[in-house]
N, C-alpha and C. Protein backbone atom coordinates (compact mmCIF):
# COMPACT_ATOMS: atom_id res chain seq x y z
N UNK A 1 -14.97 -39.66 24.56
CA UNK A 1 -13.42 -39.27 24.65
C UNK A 1 -13.42 -40.67 25.16
N UNK A 2 -11.92 -41.89 24.65
CA UNK A 2 -11.77 -42.77 25.44
C UNK A 2 -10.56 -42.22 25.96
N UNK A 3 -10.11 -42.36 26.90
CA UNK A 3 -9.19 -42.70 27.86
C UNK A 3 -8.23 -43.58 27.35
N UNK A 4 -6.75 -43.15 27.20
CA UNK A 4 -5.59 -43.36 27.00
C UNK A 4 -4.87 -44.06 28.11
N UNK A 5 -4.45 -45.63 27.72
CA UNK A 5 -3.60 -45.91 29.38
C UNK A 5 -2.64 -46.86 28.65
N UNK A 6 -1.64 -46.68 29.03
CA UNK A 6 0.05 -47.42 28.71
C UNK A 6 0.04 -48.91 29.99
N UNK A 7 0.17 -49.49 29.48
CA UNK A 7 0.44 -50.73 30.36
C UNK A 7 1.88 -51.03 30.25
N UNK A 8 2.71 -50.62 31.45
CA UNK A 8 4.13 -50.70 31.74
C UNK A 8 5.02 -51.56 32.07
N UNK A 9 5.19 -52.74 31.93
CA UNK A 9 6.16 -53.66 32.47
C UNK A 9 6.92 -53.47 33.93
N UNK A 10 6.85 -54.25 35.17
CA UNK A 10 7.60 -53.58 35.81
C UNK A 10 9.01 -53.75 35.72
N UNK A 11 9.50 -53.35 36.86
CA UNK A 11 11.33 -53.79 37.13
C UNK A 11 11.62 -54.81 36.95
N UNK A 12 12.51 -55.50 36.41
CA UNK A 12 12.89 -56.94 36.76
C UNK A 12 13.04 -56.67 38.31
N UNK A 13 12.65 -57.78 38.87
CA UNK A 13 13.03 -58.01 40.34
C UNK A 13 14.80 -57.79 40.97
N UNK A 14 15.87 -58.28 40.34
CA UNK A 14 17.41 -58.54 40.49
C UNK A 14 17.50 -56.45 40.29
N UNK A 15 16.79 -55.99 39.02
CA UNK A 15 17.03 -54.83 38.93
C UNK A 15 17.21 -54.16 40.44
N UNK A 16 15.37 -54.38 40.50
CA UNK A 16 15.27 -53.11 42.22
C UNK A 16 16.14 -53.29 43.28
N UNK A 17 16.57 -54.58 43.01
CA UNK A 17 17.67 -55.17 44.36
C UNK A 17 18.90 -54.76 44.33
N UNK A 18 19.39 -54.62 42.74
CA UNK A 18 20.75 -54.43 42.72
C UNK A 18 21.16 -53.39 42.19
N UNK A 19 20.12 -52.38 41.18
CA UNK A 19 20.18 -51.53 41.00
C UNK A 19 20.53 -51.51 39.14
N UNK A 20 20.47 -50.87 38.12
CA UNK A 20 20.82 -50.78 37.06
C UNK A 20 20.54 -49.63 36.20
N UNK A 21 20.13 -50.15 35.25
CA UNK A 21 20.36 -48.99 33.86
C UNK A 21 19.42 -49.31 33.07
N UNK A 22 18.02 -48.52 32.91
CA UNK A 22 17.27 -49.46 31.83
C UNK A 22 17.82 -48.97 30.28
N UNK A 23 18.22 -49.88 29.50
CA UNK A 23 18.59 -49.77 28.33
C UNK A 23 17.38 -49.84 26.71
N UNK A 24 16.43 -50.30 27.07
CA UNK A 24 15.85 -50.57 26.06
C UNK A 24 13.92 -50.46 26.64
N UNK A 25 13.25 -49.83 26.01
CA UNK A 25 12.08 -49.37 26.25
C UNK A 25 10.91 -49.75 25.59
N UNK A 26 10.13 -50.46 24.72
CA UNK A 26 9.52 -51.28 23.07
C UNK A 26 8.14 -51.31 23.60
N UNK A 27 7.67 -50.32 23.35
CA UNK A 27 5.79 -49.68 22.70
C UNK A 27 5.40 -50.43 22.03
N UNK A 28 4.23 -50.79 21.65
CA UNK A 28 3.27 -50.94 20.97
C UNK A 28 2.51 -49.80 20.87
N UNK A 29 2.04 -48.89 19.87
CA UNK A 29 1.36 -47.93 19.61
C UNK A 29 0.36 -47.78 17.95
N UNK A 30 -0.88 -47.82 18.47
CA UNK A 30 -1.54 -48.33 17.03
C UNK A 30 -1.28 -49.26 16.23
N UNK A 31 -1.02 -50.03 16.54
CA UNK A 31 0.02 -51.04 15.78
C UNK A 31 1.58 -50.99 15.13
N UNK A 32 1.84 -50.26 15.50
CA UNK A 32 3.55 -49.91 15.39
C UNK A 32 4.14 -50.11 17.01
N UNK A 33 5.72 -49.99 16.38
CA UNK A 33 6.63 -50.53 17.88
C UNK A 33 7.21 -48.50 17.61
N UNK A 34 7.21 -48.22 19.14
CA UNK A 34 7.60 -47.01 19.50
C UNK A 34 9.18 -47.50 20.31
N UNK A 35 10.27 -47.38 20.18
CA UNK A 35 11.18 -47.67 21.21
C UNK A 35 11.91 -46.46 21.88
N UNK A 36 12.36 -46.31 23.13
CA UNK A 36 13.04 -45.76 23.20
C UNK A 36 14.30 -46.32 23.83
N UNK A 37 15.78 -46.16 23.73
CA UNK A 37 16.78 -46.42 24.04
C UNK A 37 18.03 -45.97 24.32
N UNK A 38 19.31 -46.13 24.72
CA UNK A 38 20.29 -45.77 25.22
C UNK A 38 21.38 -46.63 24.60
N UNK A 39 22.79 -46.35 24.15
CA UNK A 39 24.13 -47.12 23.65
C UNK A 39 24.03 -47.97 24.29
N UNK A 40 24.67 -47.32 25.44
CA UNK A 40 24.79 -48.47 26.76
C UNK A 40 26.47 -49.33 26.34
N UNK A 41 26.23 -49.46 25.44
CA UNK A 41 27.67 -50.79 25.45
C UNK A 41 28.99 -49.75 24.59
N UNK A 42 29.60 -49.93 24.53
CA UNK A 42 30.73 -49.68 24.03
C UNK A 42 31.54 -50.29 22.73
N UNK A 43 30.80 -51.65 22.63
CA UNK A 43 31.02 -51.87 21.35
C UNK A 43 29.28 -52.80 21.29
N UNK A 44 29.12 -51.90 19.39
CA UNK A 44 27.87 -52.74 19.15
C UNK A 44 27.63 -54.15 19.33
N UNK A 45 28.84 -54.56 19.04
CA UNK A 45 28.36 -56.59 18.75
C UNK A 45 27.94 -56.66 20.49
N UNK A 46 27.59 -55.91 21.08
CA UNK A 46 26.84 -56.48 22.36
C UNK A 46 25.54 -56.83 21.89
N UNK A 47 25.14 -55.18 20.94
CA UNK A 47 23.69 -55.00 20.95
C UNK A 47 23.34 -56.19 20.09
N UNK A 48 24.61 -57.34 19.43
CA UNK A 48 23.30 -58.59 18.57
C UNK A 48 23.72 -59.40 20.05
N UNK A 49 24.50 -59.44 20.81
CA UNK A 49 24.64 -60.55 21.52
C UNK A 49 22.83 -60.20 22.61
N UNK A 50 22.71 -59.09 22.57
CA UNK A 50 21.02 -58.38 23.52
C UNK A 50 20.26 -58.99 22.67
N UNK A 51 20.43 -58.82 21.72
CA UNK A 51 19.02 -59.02 20.87
C UNK A 51 18.63 -60.78 20.55
N UNK A 52 19.64 -61.43 20.45
CA UNK A 52 19.81 -62.68 20.51
C UNK A 52 19.35 -63.42 21.50
N UNK A 53 19.74 -62.75 23.12
CA UNK A 53 19.12 -62.72 24.15
C UNK A 53 17.77 -62.44 24.44
N UNK A 54 17.45 -62.01 23.44
CA UNK A 54 16.14 -61.32 23.95
C UNK A 54 14.88 -62.19 22.99
N UNK A 55 15.24 -62.62 22.34
CA UNK A 55 15.56 -63.76 20.87
C UNK A 55 14.41 -64.99 21.91
N UNK A 56 15.47 -65.52 22.84
CA UNK A 56 15.51 -66.58 23.65
C UNK A 56 14.29 -66.49 24.52
N UNK A 57 14.52 -64.84 25.32
CA UNK A 57 13.46 -64.82 26.00
C UNK A 57 11.94 -65.36 25.66
N UNK A 58 11.84 -64.41 24.32
CA UNK A 58 10.20 -64.37 23.95
C UNK A 58 10.31 -65.72 23.65
N UNK A 59 10.47 -66.65 22.60
CA UNK A 59 10.65 -67.80 22.86
C UNK A 59 10.23 -68.71 23.44
N UNK A 60 10.72 -68.43 24.75
CA UNK A 60 9.90 -68.91 26.56
C UNK A 60 9.05 -68.71 26.58
N UNK A 61 8.71 -67.17 26.36
CA UNK A 61 7.25 -67.15 26.97
C UNK A 61 6.57 -67.25 25.95
N UNK A 62 6.41 -67.50 24.18
CA UNK A 62 5.64 -68.09 23.69
C UNK A 62 5.35 -69.71 23.96
N UNK A 63 6.44 -70.29 24.29
CA UNK A 63 6.71 -71.73 24.65
C UNK A 63 5.49 -71.97 26.35
N UNK A 64 5.94 -70.76 26.77
CA UNK A 64 4.61 -70.99 27.81
C UNK A 64 3.55 -70.70 27.89
N UNK A 65 3.00 -69.83 26.91
CA UNK A 65 1.67 -68.90 26.66
C UNK A 65 1.11 -69.49 25.52
N UNK A 66 1.80 -69.85 24.63
CA UNK A 66 1.18 -70.68 23.41
C UNK A 66 1.74 -72.00 22.87
N UNK A 67 0.88 -72.30 21.90
CA UNK A 67 0.91 -74.14 21.51
C UNK A 67 2.75 -74.19 20.88
N UNK A 68 3.24 -72.80 20.68
CA UNK A 68 4.56 -72.81 19.77
C UNK A 68 5.80 -73.92 20.91
N UNK A 69 6.49 -74.85 20.32
CA UNK A 69 7.46 -75.00 21.71
C UNK A 69 8.53 -73.93 21.38
N UNK A 70 9.07 -74.02 22.53
CA UNK A 70 10.39 -72.72 22.32
C UNK A 70 11.08 -73.26 21.17
N UNK A 71 11.35 -74.03 20.05
CA UNK A 71 12.98 -74.03 19.14
C UNK A 71 11.85 -73.68 18.27
N UNK A 72 10.22 -73.95 17.87
CA UNK A 72 9.22 -73.63 17.24
C UNK A 72 9.28 -71.84 16.95
N UNK A 73 9.23 -71.34 18.34
CA UNK A 73 9.30 -69.97 18.31
C UNK A 73 10.49 -69.32 17.92
N UNK A 74 11.37 -69.43 18.39
CA UNK A 74 12.71 -69.11 18.00
C UNK A 74 13.01 -69.61 16.39
N UNK A 75 12.17 -70.27 16.19
CA UNK A 75 13.11 -70.63 14.21
C UNK A 75 11.90 -69.24 13.85
N UNK A 76 10.72 -68.93 14.43
CA UNK A 76 9.66 -67.90 14.01
C UNK A 76 10.24 -66.35 13.85
N UNK A 77 10.92 -66.40 14.75
CA UNK A 77 11.52 -65.04 15.61
C UNK A 77 12.65 -64.86 14.29
N UNK A 78 13.33 -66.18 14.66
CA UNK A 78 14.94 -65.92 13.36
C UNK A 78 14.31 -65.89 12.18
N UNK A 79 13.61 -66.24 11.50
CA UNK A 79 13.43 -66.19 10.11
C UNK A 79 12.62 -64.57 10.47
N UNK A 80 11.87 -63.85 11.05
CA UNK A 80 11.25 -62.60 11.15
C UNK A 80 12.47 -61.50 11.34
N UNK A 81 13.60 -62.21 11.71
CA UNK A 81 14.89 -61.05 12.04
C UNK A 81 15.53 -60.77 10.42
N UNK A 82 15.23 -62.42 10.01
CA UNK A 82 16.40 -62.54 8.71
C UNK A 82 14.85 -61.81 7.46
N UNK A 83 14.19 -61.50 7.31
CA UNK A 83 13.18 -61.40 6.95
C UNK A 83 13.06 -59.89 7.21
N UNK A 84 13.50 -58.89 7.90
CA UNK A 84 13.30 -57.44 8.55
C UNK A 84 14.98 -57.17 7.90
N UNK A 85 15.91 -57.69 8.27
CA UNK A 85 17.47 -58.07 7.46
C UNK A 85 17.13 -57.63 5.96
N UNK A 86 16.80 -58.49 5.32
CA UNK A 86 16.57 -58.48 3.75
C UNK A 86 16.00 -57.19 3.10
N UNK A 87 14.88 -57.11 4.04
CA UNK A 87 13.68 -56.09 2.98
C UNK A 87 13.10 -55.02 4.69
N UNK A 88 14.06 -54.48 4.59
CA UNK A 88 13.69 -53.85 5.63
C UNK A 88 12.25 -52.71 5.89
N UNK A 89 11.51 -52.91 6.60
CA UNK A 89 10.10 -51.67 6.68
C UNK A 89 10.89 -50.48 7.17
N UNK A 90 9.83 -49.90 7.84
CA UNK A 90 9.99 -47.95 8.18
C UNK A 90 10.72 -48.52 9.31
N UNK A 91 12.14 -47.38 8.92
CA UNK A 91 12.86 -47.95 10.32
C UNK A 91 12.73 -46.89 11.55
N UNK A 92 11.42 -45.58 11.23
CA UNK A 92 11.42 -44.85 12.23
C UNK A 92 12.81 -43.55 12.20
N UNK A 93 12.09 -43.29 12.74
CA UNK A 93 12.94 -42.04 13.33
C UNK A 93 13.32 -42.46 14.84
N UNK A 94 14.95 -41.85 14.88
CA UNK A 94 16.15 -41.86 16.22
C UNK A 94 16.76 -40.89 16.60
N UNK A 95 16.46 -40.49 17.74
CA UNK A 95 16.78 -39.30 18.62
C UNK A 95 17.71 -40.07 19.72
N UNK A 96 18.59 -39.29 20.26
CA UNK A 96 19.13 -39.73 21.41
C UNK A 96 18.94 -38.88 22.58
N UNK A 97 17.27 -38.65 22.85
CA UNK A 97 16.55 -37.99 23.90
C UNK A 97 16.25 -38.91 24.79
N UNK A 98 16.67 -38.45 25.91
CA UNK A 98 16.31 -39.28 27.33
C UNK A 98 16.34 -38.57 28.49
């Protein structure tokens, strides 16, 4: 029997210093994305801003850890977003349990 281990990220230092509310947790489980989130904002527009901010952060990580430039990584992320918007894969299930 193999022990299953969850590899969690650390809480961001500024959140530890000043407090905050976790609004999104995403994990890869058996090759699929598993997500927990809270609505968090009064206006869904703000989720769009947050998603673009996440894309920029991800592109910067790719630029520091791979041969992608930040611009190339962002272009690939943007292409992935558009492809998923055009032809959605499995949406999974959603509930407000937390």
